[in-house]
Amino acid sequence: MLGTGTSYLDPDRVQSGILIEIEGESIRFDIGAGVFHRLTQLGVNLSSISSIFLSHFHVDHCSDFLMLCQSLWLSGHDKPLNIYGPPLIRQWFRGLFDIAFPYARDRLTINVTVLKEHEAVQVGEATISNVPTIHGNMETRALKIEWRDRSFVYSSDTDFTPFDKGAYASSTTYVSGAAVVQAANIVSERIKLRAALLLNASDPSTIKLEDQKATAPDGSSVTIEEIALSSLHHFDQEQIMGVSSFVAESSPPPFGAQFAEVSVDIETGKIHVDRLIMVVDSGRIVNPDAAFGQIEGGMIQAMGYAICEDMTIDNEGNPLQKDFYDYHILRSNEIPELKTIFVETQEPSHPFGVKAAAEIPMDGVAPAIGNAILDAIGVNINTLPITPEKVWTAINNKSD
C-alpha cells in the first residue's frame, strides 16, 4: 500500500541530508549512497525505522531505498513507514512499487508526505549530493570563518547564477571547488579593504582574517558582521561579492588499489564476497564522511556488476529481467566488510591539493574478485558477472 499526503517540514527537523527516526531516536546522515548499509553495520534493525525525512531527493537515494524496501519486505515488516520529502518523491515511490516491487504492494505500507515546495527550499544548503558541504568547507577555509554558521551554498539554475558545467565527471571538488576558492579569495580582499577603512589601517594587506573578525596590526578588530553591515548600510555602500571562473588545464588522476577476499562453494559455484578493501590517493580529503561514503558506495555498486547484475536478451530482443525481482541488486545482508584507506597527497594544481574520488572505486572491484576466485580454486572467469553457473562450469571443465 502506498499512501500520500502534503505537509510542512519544521526546519529544525533536518537541515540537510536524511534524518531517520528509530524508536524515538534520530540519526542524521549527509545525502549519499549507503545510508541503510551503514545502519546495518551499526547493528540497527531496519524494520525498527519509523520515519525518514529528506531535505532533498537525489539519484543516490535510489539504491538506498530499493535496499530498504527489499529488506522490510523480506523481514515481513508490518508497521507503516512514514517518508517525508520534497516534490516528486511521491511519483518516485509510486514508480518504485510499480516497477521494482509489484509483489510487495500488499505487504508493505509506506506513507509518503510531500513537503510544501517553499519549505523544501528553505530547509538546507543545496540540492546536489555533498556539494554544499565540500564547497562551503573550501570557501570558509579561504575566508577563515566558521563554515556551519556563516556559509550557505545554494543550488540554482543559470537564470539566477553564472554558468556552471555541472556536477559530473568527478569534477565537482577539483574544478568547481577551485572556482569557489578563487571567488572566496576575491571576497577576502574586499573584506580586508572595508576592514581597513573601519580600523583606519593604511595597508589592507596587513589585515588578518580569523575567528570571524578582521584584525589590524595594532590589535584592533572588527567582526565580519560589522563589516557586512557597514558595506551595505553605512557609507560607500557596496555588495561584497566575488565571481570567478576556473578552467582546468590538467586533469590529475586519482590512484587506487583494491583487494577482495572471497569464499567459494566448489559444489555449487556460489560466491560469497567476505571483504573489500580500497586504498585511495585522491589528494587532500576535504569532507572525510562524504569521501568514505563515496568509495564504499562505489565498491558496492561495482560488486553488483561483478557478481550478480546482468541484463540478458531473448532471441526477439526482449529483456528477460524486467523488474528488480529478476534483476538482482545486492541486499544489505549481502554487503561484505568494507574498508577504505586514504593516502593523502598534495595535488599542486589545486589550491587545497584535492583530486577526484567519485569514479575510481568502480574500477578494480571486479578484477579483484576475479583474481581472488582464481587464487581460491584455480579457475579464471573472464566475463561478467561472475555467476555461480560460470564458476561451477569452470570447476567441472577443469576437473575434466
Protein backbone atom coordinates (compact mmCIF):
# COMPACT_ATOMS: atom_id res chain seq x y z
CA MET A 1 0.00 0.00 0.00
CA LEU A 2 1.21 3.49 -0.79
CA GLY A 3 -0.33 6.48 0.99
CA THR A 4 0.42 10.10 0.12
CA GLY A 5 -0.13 13.50 1.69
CA THR A 6 1.17 17.05 1.97
CA SER A 7 2.76 18.71 4.98
CA TYR A 8 5.22 21.32 6.16
CA LEU A 9 8.66 20.42 7.42
CA ASP A 10 9.91 22.03 10.62
CA PRO A 11 13.35 23.41 9.61
CA ASP A 12 14.74 22.18 12.93
CA ARG A 13 13.98 18.59 11.93
CA VAL A 14 16.63 18.29 9.26
CA GLN A 15 18.90 20.97 7.79
CA SER A 16 20.45 18.93 5.03
CA GLY A 17 20.55 15.29 4.08
CA ILE A 18 18.49 12.50 5.55
CA LEU A 19 17.17 12.13 9.10
CA ILE A 20 15.97 8.73 10.29
CA GLU A 21 13.80 8.15 13.35
CA ILE A 22 14.28 4.79 15.08
CA GLU A 23 12.26 4.08 18.21
CA GLY A 24 12.27 7.70 19.29
CA GLU A 25 15.94 8.29 18.44
CA SER A 26 17.09 10.41 15.49
CA ILE A 27 20.12 9.74 13.29
CA ARG A 28 21.21 12.23 10.61
CA PHE A 29 23.31 11.48 7.50
CA ASP A 30 24.53 13.60 4.62
CA ILE A 31 22.97 12.84 1.26
CA GLY A 32 24.75 9.93 -0.37
CA ALA A 33 24.58 6.27 -1.12
CA GLY A 34 24.97 3.57 1.52
CA VAL A 35 22.91 5.11 4.34
CA PHE A 36 20.95 1.97 5.19
CA HIS A 37 24.01 -0.22 4.73
CA ARG A 38 25.81 1.93 7.31
CA LEU A 39 22.87 1.50 9.68
CA THR A 40 23.08 -2.29 9.40
CA GLN A 41 26.82 -2.06 10.12
CA LEU A 42 25.91 -0.18 13.31
CA GLY A 43 23.66 -3.06 14.29
CA VAL A 44 20.38 -1.27 13.56
CA ASN A 45 17.40 -3.41 12.61
CA LEU A 46 15.94 -1.69 9.55
CA SER A 47 12.44 -2.84 10.47
CA SER A 48 12.63 -0.55 13.53
CA ILE A 49 12.71 2.59 11.33
CA SER A 50 9.51 4.59 11.78
CA SER A 51 10.10 7.83 9.82
CA ILE A 52 12.51 9.21 7.24
CA PHE A 53 12.90 12.93 6.49
CA LEU A 54 14.63 14.03 3.27
CA SER A 55 15.71 17.64 2.81
CA HIS A 56 16.05 16.92 -0.91
CA PHE A 57 15.94 13.93 -3.20
CA HIS A 58 18.88 12.71 -5.23
CA VAL A 59 19.65 9.79 -7.53
CA ASP A 60 21.97 8.42 -4.83
CA HIS A 61 18.86 7.54 -2.82
CA CYS A 62 17.53 5.07 -5.42
CA SER A 63 19.65 2.08 -4.46
CA ASP A 64 19.30 3.01 -0.77
CA PHE A 65 15.52 2.83 -0.82
CA LEU A 66 15.47 -0.27 -3.00
CA MET A 67 17.62 -1.99 -0.39
CA LEU A 68 15.43 -0.70 2.47
CA CYS A 69 12.14 -1.80 0.87
CA GLN A 70 13.57 -5.17 -0.07
CA SER A 71 14.85 -5.72 3.49
CA LEU A 72 11.49 -4.72 5.00
CA TRP A 73 9.61 -6.99 2.62
CA LEU A 74 11.85 -9.99 3.32
CA SER A 75 11.58 -9.47 7.09
CA GLY A 76 7.76 -9.42 6.96
CA HIS A 77 7.66 -5.83 8.25
CA ASP A 78 4.07 -4.95 9.18
CA LYS A 79 4.34 -1.39 10.51
CA PRO A 80 3.77 1.72 8.37
CA LEU A 81 6.89 3.53 7.22
CA ASN A 82 6.50 7.33 7.01
CA ILE A 83 8.64 9.18 4.48
CA TYR A 84 8.72 12.98 4.21
CA GLY A 85 10.40 14.62 1.25
CA PRO A 86 10.32 17.24 -1.50
CA PRO A 87 8.03 17.37 -4.55
CA LEU A 88 8.29 14.41 -6.97
CA ILE A 89 9.09 11.96 -4.17
CA ARG A 90 5.50 10.71 -4.38
CA GLN A 91 5.87 9.88 -8.07
CA TRP A 92 9.22 8.20 -7.45
CA PHE A 93 7.85 5.86 -4.81
CA ARG A 94 4.84 5.04 -6.96
CA GLY A 95 7.24 4.07 -9.73
CA LEU A 96 9.34 2.09 -7.26
CA PHE A 97 6.35 -0.07 -6.35
CA ASP A 98 5.01 -0.38 -9.88
CA ILE A 99 8.29 -1.45 -11.43
CA ALA A 100 10.58 -2.83 -8.75
CA PHE A 101 8.26 -4.30 -6.12
CA PRO A 102 4.85 -5.12 -7.62
CA TYR A 103 4.74 -8.25 -5.49
CA ALA A 104 5.26 -6.21 -2.27
CA ARG A 105 2.25 -3.97 -2.83
CA ASP A 106 0.11 -5.80 -0.27
CA ARG A 107 2.90 -6.49 2.19
CA LEU A 108 4.32 -3.01 2.86
CA THR A 109 2.58 0.18 3.94
CA ILE A 110 4.55 3.31 3.08
CA ASN A 111 3.06 6.75 3.68
CA VAL A 112 4.74 9.39 1.53
CA THR A 113 4.22 13.00 2.59
CA VAL A 114 5.24 15.74 0.18
CA LEU A 115 6.71 18.88 1.71
CA LYS A 116 5.47 22.27 0.57
CA GLU A 117 7.88 23.45 -2.11
CA HIS A 118 8.92 26.70 -0.40
CA GLU A 119 9.58 24.79 2.82
CA ALA A 120 11.73 22.27 1.00
CA VAL A 121 13.85 25.08 -0.43
CA GLN A 122 14.42 26.63 2.99
CA VAL A 123 15.46 23.62 4.98
CA GLY A 124 19.08 23.30 3.97
CA GLU A 125 22.11 24.13 1.97
CA ALA A 126 21.84 22.79 -1.57
CA THR A 127 20.30 20.08 -3.66
CA ILE A 128 23.22 18.23 -5.19
CA SER A 129 24.69 15.41 -3.10
CA ASN A 130 27.53 16.57 -0.80
CA VAL A 131 28.43 19.58 -2.97
CA PRO A 132 27.34 22.20 -0.36
CA THR A 133 29.45 20.61 2.34
CA ILE A 134 32.58 20.42 0.19
CA HIS A 135 32.25 23.85 -1.44
CA GLY A 136 31.21 25.52 1.82
CA ASN A 137 34.20 23.99 3.55
CA MET A 138 36.64 25.29 0.93
CA GLU A 139 35.01 28.71 0.85
CA THR A 140 35.25 29.26 4.58
CA ARG A 141 38.77 27.89 4.80
CA ALA A 142 39.73 30.60 2.31
CA LEU A 143 37.82 33.24 4.29
CA LYS A 144 38.90 31.81 7.69
CA ILE A 145 35.39 31.75 9.15
CA GLU A 146 33.31 29.01 10.73
CA TRP A 147 31.53 27.33 7.83
CA ARG A 148 28.45 25.89 9.55
CA ASP A 149 27.27 29.25 10.91
CA ARG A 150 28.36 31.60 8.18
CA SER A 151 28.31 29.88 4.80
CA PHE A 152 25.30 28.79 2.76
CA VAL A 153 25.67 27.14 -0.64
CA TYR A 154 22.54 27.29 -2.76
CA SER A 155 21.87 25.27 -5.86
CA SER A 156 20.03 27.18 -8.55
CA ASP A 157 19.84 27.44 -12.32
CA THR A 158 21.52 29.84 -14.71
CA ASP A 159 18.51 32.16 -14.74
CA PHE A 160 19.96 33.44 -11.46
CA THR A 161 23.59 32.31 -11.37
CA PRO A 162 26.62 32.33 -13.67
CA PHE A 163 27.02 29.35 -15.97
CA ASP A 164 28.35 26.13 -14.47
CA LYS A 165 29.23 23.00 -16.43
CA GLY A 166 27.56 20.70 -13.91
CA ALA A 167 28.45 18.21 -11.20
CA TYR A 168 29.70 15.22 -13.16
CA ALA A 169 32.83 13.50 -14.44
CA SER A 170 34.47 13.68 -11.00
CA SER A 171 34.85 17.44 -11.42
CA THR A 172 32.85 18.91 -8.55
CA THR A 173 35.58 19.15 -5.94
CA TYR A 174 38.50 19.76 -8.29
CA VAL A 175 37.04 22.12 -10.91
CA SER A 176 34.04 23.79 -9.28
CA GLY A 177 35.83 23.82 -5.93
CA ALA A 178 38.74 25.76 -7.41
CA ALA A 179 36.30 28.40 -8.72
CA VAL A 180 34.77 28.62 -5.23
CA VAL A 181 38.20 29.21 -3.69
CA GLN A 182 39.05 31.91 -6.24
CA ALA A 183 35.75 33.70 -5.62
CA ALA A 184 36.29 33.44 -1.85
CA ASN A 185 39.73 34.99 -2.22
CA ILE A 186 38.17 37.95 -4.04
CA VAL A 187 35.66 38.33 -1.19
CA SER A 188 38.53 38.10 1.29
CA GLU A 189 40.32 41.04 -0.33
CA ARG A 190 37.12 43.12 -0.37
CA ILE A 191 36.56 42.36 3.31
CA LYS A 192 40.11 43.50 4.10
CA LEU A 193 39.58 46.75 2.19
CA ARG A 194 36.41 47.51 4.15
CA ALA A 195 38.04 46.50 7.44
CA ALA A 196 40.99 48.83 6.75
CA LEU A 197 38.54 51.73 6.36
CA LEU A 198 36.81 50.90 9.62
CA LEU A 199 40.08 50.40 11.53
CA ASN A 200 41.94 53.33 9.94
CA ALA A 201 44.63 50.95 8.67
CA SER A 202 46.70 52.29 5.81
CA ASP A 203 47.53 48.93 4.21
CA PRO A 204 44.65 46.45 3.69
CA SER A 205 47.13 43.63 3.06
CA THR A 206 48.17 43.78 6.73
CA ILE A 207 44.65 42.88 7.86
CA LYS A 208 44.28 39.30 9.09
CA LEU A 209 41.03 37.36 8.89
CA GLU A 210 40.46 34.83 11.65
CA ASP A 211 37.92 33.93 14.34
CA GLN A 212 35.07 35.66 12.48
CA LYS A 213 36.82 39.03 12.59
CA ALA A 214 39.35 41.20 10.80
CA THR A 215 42.35 42.30 12.89
CA ALA A 216 44.77 45.17 12.22
CA PRO A 217 48.48 45.09 13.16
CA ASP A 218 47.79 47.28 16.24
CA GLY A 219 45.39 44.65 17.64
CA SER A 220 42.16 46.49 16.88
CA SER A 221 39.50 44.39 15.20
CA VAL A 222 36.05 44.41 13.68
CA THR A 223 33.71 41.45 13.21
CA ILE A 224 32.58 40.07 9.87
CA GLU A 225 29.00 41.06 10.79
CA GLU A 226 30.06 44.67 11.41
CA ILE A 227 31.91 44.75 8.08
CA ALA A 228 28.83 43.44 6.25
CA LEU A 229 26.57 45.97 8.00
CA SER A 230 28.91 48.82 7.13
CA SER A 231 29.25 47.82 3.48
CA LEU A 232 25.50 47.53 2.94
CA HIS A 233 24.06 50.33 5.07
CA HIS A 234 26.59 52.87 6.37
CA PHE A 235 28.97 54.52 3.90
CA ASP A 236 30.45 53.87 0.44
CA GLN A 237 27.82 51.18 0.16
CA GLU A 238 28.64 48.07 -1.84
CA GLN A 239 27.74 44.40 -2.02
CA ILE A 240 30.84 42.47 -1.06
CA MET A 241 30.97 39.60 -3.52
CA GLY A 242 33.30 37.66 -5.75
CA VAL A 243 32.72 36.00 -9.10
CA SER A 244 35.28 33.64 -10.56
CA SER A 245 35.70 31.05 -13.28
CA PHE A 246 38.11 28.16 -13.31
CA VAL A 247 39.15 26.15 -16.34
CA ALA A 248 41.30 23.13 -15.53
CA GLU A 249 44.45 22.96 -17.62
CA SER A 250 45.15 19.47 -16.32
CA SER A 251 43.16 16.53 -15.01
CA PRO A 252 45.21 14.88 -12.28
CA PRO A 253 44.04 11.27 -11.89
CA PRO A 254 43.37 9.64 -8.54
CA PHE A 255 45.03 6.32 -7.85
CA GLY A 256 43.66 3.27 -6.09
CA ALA A 257 44.40 -0.32 -5.18
CA GLN A 258 41.56 -2.72 -4.46
CA PHE A 259 41.58 -6.02 -2.64
CA ALA A 260 38.94 -8.73 -2.29
CA GLU A 261 38.54 -11.77 -0.05
CA VAL A 262 36.03 -14.38 -1.20
CA SER A 263 34.67 -17.79 -0.26
CA VAL A 264 33.63 -20.21 -3.00
CA ASP A 265 31.41 -23.26 -2.65
CA ILE A 266 33.08 -25.70 -5.05
CA GLU A 267 29.98 -27.94 -5.19
CA THR A 268 27.57 -25.22 -6.30
CA GLY A 269 29.84 -22.43 -7.59
CA LYS A 270 28.26 -19.94 -5.18
CA ILE A 271 30.48 -16.96 -4.39
CA HIS A 272 30.46 -15.02 -1.13
CA VAL A 273 32.47 -11.83 -1.00
CA ASP A 274 33.78 -11.60 2.56
CA ARG A 275 35.74 -8.36 2.43
CA LEU A 276 36.59 -5.46 0.12
CA ILE A 277 39.42 -3.05 0.83
CA MET A 278 40.43 0.00 -1.17
CA VAL A 279 43.47 2.22 -0.74
CA VAL A 280 42.93 5.58 -2.43
CA ASP A 281 45.06 8.57 -3.32
CA SER A 282 42.62 11.36 -4.17
CA GLY A 283 44.72 14.24 -2.89
CA ARG A 284 43.65 16.04 0.27
CA ILE A 285 40.30 14.94 1.72
CA VAL A 286 38.01 17.94 2.24
CA ASN A 287 34.98 16.08 3.60
CA PRO A 288 36.00 12.70 5.09
CA ASP A 289 32.45 11.41 5.71
CA ALA A 290 31.39 12.10 2.13
CA ALA A 291 34.65 10.67 0.75
CA PHE A 292 34.31 7.42 2.71
CA GLY A 293 30.67 7.14 1.61
CA GLN A 294 31.65 7.76 -2.00
CA ILE A 295 34.24 5.00 -2.01
CA GLU A 296 32.10 2.48 -0.13
CA GLY A 297 29.05 3.19 -2.29
CA GLY A 298 31.14 2.79 -5.44
CA MET A 299 32.56 -0.52 -4.26
CA ILE A 300 29.07 -1.86 -3.54
CA GLN A 301 27.84 -0.75 -6.96
CA ALA A 302 30.87 -2.32 -8.65
CA MET A 303 30.38 -5.54 -6.70
CA GLY A 304 26.87 -5.72 -8.16
CA TYR A 305 28.02 -5.79 -11.76
CA ALA A 306 30.90 -8.08 -10.77
CA ILE A 307 28.85 -10.98 -9.38
CA CYS A 308 25.11 -10.64 -9.94
CA GLU A 309 23.72 -7.78 -12.04
CA ASP A 310 23.04 -8.91 -15.59
CA MET A 311 20.71 -7.92 -18.41
CA THR A 312 20.03 -10.79 -20.79
CA ILE A 313 18.05 -10.55 -24.03
CA ASP A 314 15.96 -13.26 -25.67
CA ASN A 315 16.03 -14.08 -29.39
CA GLU A 316 13.39 -11.44 -30.12
CA GLY A 317 15.32 -8.67 -28.38
CA ASN A 318 13.25 -8.58 -25.19
CA PRO A 319 14.98 -8.16 -21.82
CA LEU A 320 14.44 -11.13 -19.52
CA GLN A 321 14.99 -9.07 -16.37
CA LYS A 322 12.02 -6.73 -16.27
CA ASP A 323 11.95 -5.80 -12.58
CA PHE A 324 14.16 -5.88 -9.50
CA TYR A 325 12.92 -9.34 -8.57
CA ASP A 326 14.81 -10.84 -11.52
CA TYR A 327 17.48 -8.15 -11.85
CA HIS A 328 19.26 -8.76 -8.58
CA ILE A 329 20.59 -5.74 -6.71
CA LEU A 330 22.62 -6.54 -3.61
CA ARG A 331 20.66 -6.52 -0.36
CA SER A 332 22.03 -5.16 2.92
CA ASN A 333 22.73 -8.67 4.23
CA GLU A 334 24.89 -9.39 1.16
CA ILE A 335 27.26 -6.45 1.66
CA PRO A 336 30.74 -7.56 2.80
CA GLU A 337 33.02 -5.90 5.29
CA LEU A 338 34.24 -2.66 3.68
CA LYS A 339 37.39 -0.74 4.46
CA THR A 340 38.70 2.44 2.86
CA ILE A 341 42.21 3.80 3.44
CA PHE A 342 43.04 7.28 2.16
CA VAL A 343 46.67 8.03 1.39
CA GLU A 344 46.58 11.81 1.24
CA THR A 345 48.90 13.64 -1.14
CA GLN A 346 49.17 17.30 -2.10
CA GLU A 347 47.98 17.91 -5.67
CA PRO A 348 49.88 21.08 -6.75
CA SER A 349 47.36 22.14 -9.41
CA HIS A 350 44.55 22.74 -6.86
CA PRO A 351 44.54 25.40 -4.13
CA PHE A 352 43.72 22.82 -1.45
CA GLY A 353 45.53 19.90 -3.05
CA VAL A 354 42.45 17.83 -3.90
CA LYS A 355 41.76 15.34 -6.68
CA ALA A 356 38.68 13.40 -7.77
CA ALA A 357 37.28 10.40 -5.90
CA ALA A 358 33.90 9.69 -7.49
CA GLU A 359 34.54 7.08 -10.16
CA ILE A 360 37.71 5.28 -9.16
CA PRO A 361 36.03 2.84 -6.70
CA MET A 362 34.18 1.30 -9.67
CA ASP A 363 37.33 0.19 -11.47
CA GLY A 364 39.06 -2.56 -9.54
CA VAL A 365 36.36 -4.50 -7.67
CA ALA A 366 35.51 -6.95 -10.46
CA PRO A 367 39.17 -7.76 -11.29
CA ALA A 368 39.98 -8.14 -7.58
CA ILE A 369 37.07 -10.56 -7.06
CA GLY A 370 38.05 -12.50 -10.19
CA ASN A 371 41.66 -12.78 -9.00
CA ALA A 372 40.51 -13.87 -5.55
CA ILE A 373 38.41 -16.65 -7.12
CA LEU A 374 41.41 -17.70 -9.22
CA ASP A 375 43.57 -17.78 -6.09
CA ALA A 376 40.94 -19.79 -4.18
CA ILE A 377 40.01 -22.52 -6.69
CA GLY A 378 42.40 -22.13 -9.61
CA VAL A 379 39.89 -21.14 -12.31
CA ASN A 380 39.82 -17.88 -14.19
CA ILE A 381 36.45 -16.32 -15.08
CA ASN A 382 36.95 -13.51 -17.60
CA THR A 383 33.34 -12.48 -18.28
CA LEU A 384 30.98 -10.53 -16.02
CA PRO A 385 29.02 -11.08 -13.95
CA ILE A 386 30.85 -13.98 -12.30
CA THR A 387 27.80 -16.10 -11.55
CA PRO A 388 27.65 -19.46 -9.72
CA GLU A 389 26.81 -21.12 -13.06
CA LYS A 390 30.03 -19.84 -14.64
CA VAL A 391 32.11 -20.85 -11.62
CA TRP A 392 30.53 -24.34 -11.45
CA THR A 393 31.08 -24.88 -15.18
CA ALA A 394 34.71 -23.74 -14.94
CA ILE A 395 35.35 -26.06 -11.98
CA ASN A 396 33.93 -29.03 -13.82
CA ASN A 397 35.74 -28.25 -17.04
CA LYS A 398 38.97 -28.02 -15.08
CA SER A 399 38.40 -31.44 -13.47
CA ASP A 400 37.65 -32.96 -16.87
